Amino acid sequence: MATFSKTNAQTLLALQSVAASTVLVGSAVDVSGKMGGLIYVRFARRAATAAGAGVNIRLEASQSASANNSWFPFAVLTTAFAAVNATTLDAEAASGQAVIPLTATTGFTAGGIGFCDNGTIANSEWFRVASVSAGVSVTAEENLVNTQANGTAATAGAEIYSPINLPEGALRIRAVADGSLFTQAFAIQVLYSTIDGIA
């Protein structure tokens, strides 16, 4: 039976904060020797009020090895922009555990996605809510990877998208977060994996 060789957890856009009304264009990545793969996108709000219009997250492919007038979108994801609920942690939530103590739990619902907005943005993380203890805490489906300190901001209404296939014929790919009409800062992360060969 054939076995695929893969490279996982590669980065198109590192987890970062993007300023309000900004367009972030990621670096081009050479995929000319790849047989395909998947792209993973996550988005979160860094403020609770309505944001004017959604962020358009464009995943783009190029048939050229270098020409920058050759980008074509193969997927466009448009985020929500209505007001969401935001709160803070009222005690530390340690890495390796799933209970996140919150000052308020309004807006957090089982099955929904939240975001711990760590003071060190790279230590922020998304979580899917398994259950809510009203006014006390939420329990995530999975344990936290990073410790989230008392006072860390937490927002409801975060977004995790279904994986998107990497076009097999592309020579290069990149991600663009077009927040030109989004009137708040936001957090974004775009990762990808590739199929490198068959043994």
Protein backbone atom coordinates (compact mmCIF):
# COMPACT_ATOMS: atom_id res chain seq x y z
CA MET A 1 0.00 0.00 0.00
CA ALA A 2 1.30 3.46 -0.94
CA THR A 3 2.21 5.88 1.86
CA PHE A 4 2.01 9.63 1.53
CA SER A 5 4.84 11.72 2.92
CA LYS A 6 3.57 15.00 4.39
CA THR A 7 4.85 18.19 5.98
CA ASN A 8 2.50 19.61 8.60
CA ALA A 9 2.08 22.85 10.58
CA GLN A 10 3.61 25.18 8.00
CA THR A 11 2.73 28.88 8.14
CA LEU A 12 1.11 31.19 5.61
CA LEU A 13 0.17 33.81 8.24
CA ALA A 14 1.61 33.44 11.72
CA LEU A 15 -0.78 34.04 14.61
CA GLN A 16 -0.81 37.82 14.87
CA SER A 17 -2.87 40.92 15.50
CA VAL A 18 -3.81 43.00 12.47
CA ALA A 19 -4.64 46.69 12.90
CA ALA A 20 -8.07 48.07 12.07
CA SER A 21 -8.74 48.92 8.41
CA THR A 22 -5.60 47.13 7.24
CA VAL A 23 -4.80 44.71 4.41
CA LEU A 24 -2.22 42.07 5.37
CA VAL A 25 -0.54 40.34 2.41
CA GLY A 26 1.31 37.18 3.36
CA SER A 27 4.56 36.03 1.79
CA ALA A 28 4.43 33.76 -1.23
CA VAL A 29 5.23 30.09 -0.62
CA ASP A 30 6.63 27.77 -3.31
CA VAL A 31 4.44 24.66 -3.67
CA SER A 32 5.60 23.71 -7.17
CA GLY A 33 6.93 20.34 -6.00
CA LYS A 34 3.90 19.42 -3.89
CA MET A 35 1.07 17.05 -4.75
CA GLY A 36 -1.57 18.96 -2.82
CA GLY A 37 -2.41 19.61 0.80
CA LEU A 38 -4.74 21.48 3.13
CA ILE A 39 -5.00 25.05 4.40
CA TYR A 40 -6.33 25.87 7.88
CA VAL A 41 -7.72 29.31 8.78
CA ARG A 42 -8.67 30.80 12.17
CA PHE A 43 -9.98 34.29 12.95
CA ALA A 44 -10.90 36.13 16.15
CA ARG A 45 -12.17 39.49 17.25
CA ARG A 46 -10.06 41.67 19.55
CA ALA A 47 -12.96 44.00 20.42
CA ALA A 48 -16.65 43.39 21.04
CA THR A 49 -18.42 46.16 19.12
CA ALA A 50 -19.63 45.87 15.52
CA ALA A 51 -16.82 46.28 13.01
CA GLY A 52 -18.35 47.85 9.90
CA ALA A 53 -17.84 44.97 7.45
CA GLY A 54 -16.24 41.54 7.47
CA VAL A 55 -12.62 40.68 6.80
CA ASN A 56 -12.17 38.98 3.43
CA ILE A 57 -9.56 36.26 3.85
CA ARG A 58 -8.30 35.39 0.38
CA LEU A 59 -6.32 32.25 -0.31
CA GLU A 60 -4.51 32.84 -3.58
CA ALA A 61 -2.57 30.71 -6.06
CA SER A 62 -0.16 31.67 -8.81
CA GLN A 63 0.76 29.85 -12.02
CA SER A 64 3.99 31.87 -12.13
CA ALA A 65 7.18 31.20 -10.20
CA SER A 66 7.81 34.90 -9.64
CA ALA A 67 5.41 37.35 -11.32
CA ASN A 68 3.33 39.18 -8.76
CA ASN A 69 0.61 40.11 -11.25
CA SER A 70 -0.43 36.46 -11.43
CA TRP A 71 -2.38 35.90 -8.19
CA PHE A 72 -5.84 34.32 -8.38
CA PRO A 73 -8.12 33.57 -5.41
CA PHE A 74 -9.09 29.93 -5.02
CA ALA A 75 -11.08 30.59 -1.82
CA VAL A 76 -12.48 33.70 -0.16
CA LEU A 77 -13.70 33.51 3.44
CA THR A 78 -15.70 36.46 4.77
CA THR A 79 -15.89 36.83 8.53
CA ALA A 80 -18.80 38.04 10.62
CA PHE A 81 -18.66 41.64 11.85
CA ALA A 82 -21.67 42.05 14.18
CA ALA A 83 -21.03 42.83 17.84
CA VAL A 84 -19.88 39.93 20.00
CA ASN A 85 -19.53 39.40 23.73
CA ALA A 86 -16.20 39.97 25.44
CA THR A 87 -15.05 39.38 28.99
CA THR A 88 -11.90 38.54 30.95
CA LEU A 89 -10.58 35.57 32.86
CA ASP A 90 -11.09 36.08 36.59
CA ALA A 91 -8.47 33.48 37.54
CA GLU A 92 -5.60 31.75 35.77
CA ALA A 93 -6.46 28.93 33.35
CA ALA A 94 -3.46 26.64 33.35
CA SER A 95 -2.18 24.85 30.27
CA GLY A 96 -3.26 21.22 30.16
CA GLN A 97 -6.71 21.84 31.61
CA ALA A 98 -10.02 22.73 29.97
CA VAL A 99 -11.87 24.93 32.49
CA ILE A 100 -11.64 28.66 31.71
CA PRO A 101 -12.90 30.85 34.58
CA LEU A 102 -14.60 33.98 33.25
CA THR A 103 -15.91 37.18 34.77
CA ALA A 104 -19.07 36.71 32.64
CA THR A 105 -20.22 33.93 30.31
CA THR A 106 -22.84 35.81 28.28
CA GLY A 107 -22.48 34.98 24.59
CA PHE A 108 -20.53 31.76 25.15
CA THR A 109 -22.58 28.71 24.16
CA ALA A 110 -21.88 25.00 23.84
CA GLY A 111 -20.46 24.35 20.38
CA GLY A 112 -19.43 27.97 19.91
CA ILE A 113 -15.84 29.13 19.48
CA GLY A 114 -14.05 31.49 21.84
CA PHE A 115 -10.65 33.14 21.85
CA CYS A 116 -8.24 33.76 24.72
CA ASP A 117 -6.50 36.99 23.72
CA ASN A 118 -3.19 36.60 25.54
CA GLY A 119 -0.99 39.66 26.15
CA THR A 120 1.64 37.77 24.13
CA ILE A 121 -0.33 37.29 20.91
CA ALA A 122 1.55 34.10 19.97
CA ASN A 123 0.25 32.50 23.19
CA SER A 124 -3.38 33.29 22.38
CA GLU A 125 -5.62 30.39 21.48
CA TRP A 126 -8.97 29.40 20.08
CA PHE A 127 -11.24 26.98 21.93
CA ARG A 128 -14.55 25.27 21.22
CA VAL A 129 -16.97 25.40 24.12
CA ALA A 130 -18.11 22.04 25.49
CA SER A 131 -20.23 23.43 28.33
CA VAL A 132 -21.00 26.63 30.22
CA SER A 133 -21.32 27.16 33.96
CA ALA A 134 -23.37 30.36 33.84
CA GLY A 135 -21.54 33.35 35.25
CA VAL A 136 -18.60 31.19 36.36
CA SER A 137 -16.66 29.46 33.58
CA VAL A 138 -16.67 27.64 30.30
CA THR A 139 -15.19 24.22 29.68
CA ALA A 140 -13.39 23.75 26.37
CA GLU A 141 -13.57 20.54 24.35
CA GLU A 142 -9.78 20.25 24.53
CA ASN A 143 -7.25 21.24 27.16
CA LEU A 144 -5.51 24.58 26.74
CA VAL A 145 -2.03 24.51 25.20
CA ASN A 146 -0.89 27.75 26.86
CA THR A 147 -1.51 29.16 30.33
CA GLN A 148 -3.96 32.06 30.18
CA ALA A 149 -3.44 34.53 33.02
CA ASN A 150 -6.01 36.15 35.26
CA GLY A 151 -7.26 39.24 33.40
CA THR A 152 -6.69 37.83 29.91
CA ALA A 153 -9.36 39.02 27.47
CA ALA A 154 -11.74 36.41 26.08
CA THR A 155 -14.14 36.94 23.19
CA ALA A 156 -17.01 34.87 21.86
CA GLY A 157 -17.80 34.62 18.16
CA ALA A 158 -14.37 33.47 17.01
CA GLU A 159 -14.18 31.49 13.76
CA ILE A 160 -12.45 28.27 12.68
CA TYR A 161 -13.04 27.30 9.06
CA SER A 162 -13.19 23.89 7.42
CA PRO A 163 -9.83 22.96 5.83
CA ILE A 164 -9.45 24.02 2.19
CA ASN A 165 -7.65 21.99 -0.47
CA LEU A 166 -4.40 23.37 -1.80
CA PRO A 167 -4.61 23.55 -5.63
CA GLU A 168 -2.42 20.81 -7.07
CA GLY A 169 -1.42 22.86 -10.11
CA ALA A 170 -0.30 25.95 -8.20
CA LEU A 171 3.34 27.02 -8.27
CA ARG A 172 2.94 29.42 -5.33
CA ILE A 173 0.32 30.19 -2.71
CA ARG A 174 -0.28 33.00 -0.22
CA ALA A 175 -2.92 34.29 2.18
CA VAL A 176 -4.30 37.83 2.26
CA ALA A 177 -6.40 39.23 5.11
CA ASP A 178 -8.30 42.18 3.66
CA GLY A 179 -9.59 44.09 6.66
CA SER A 180 -9.82 47.41 4.82
CA LEU A 181 -13.46 47.84 5.93
CA PHE A 182 -13.09 46.09 9.30
CA THR A 183 -12.85 48.89 11.84
CA GLN A 184 -11.15 46.97 14.66
CA ALA A 185 -7.98 45.01 15.24
CA PHE A 186 -8.36 41.27 14.71
CA ALA A 187 -6.36 38.09 15.21
CA ILE A 188 -5.64 35.68 12.40
CA GLN A 189 -3.68 32.49 11.75
CA VAL A 190 -3.33 30.56 8.49
CA LEU A 191 -1.46 27.23 8.46
CA TYR A 192 -1.01 24.60 5.79
CA SER A 193 0.17 21.05 5.24
CA THR A 194 1.50 19.52 2.02
CA ILE A 195 1.65 16.13 0.41
CA ASP A 196 5.28 15.85 -0.62
CA GLY A 197 5.39 12.43 -2.29
CA ILE A 198 4.25 8.83 -2.36
CA ALA A 199 6.40 5.93 -1.20
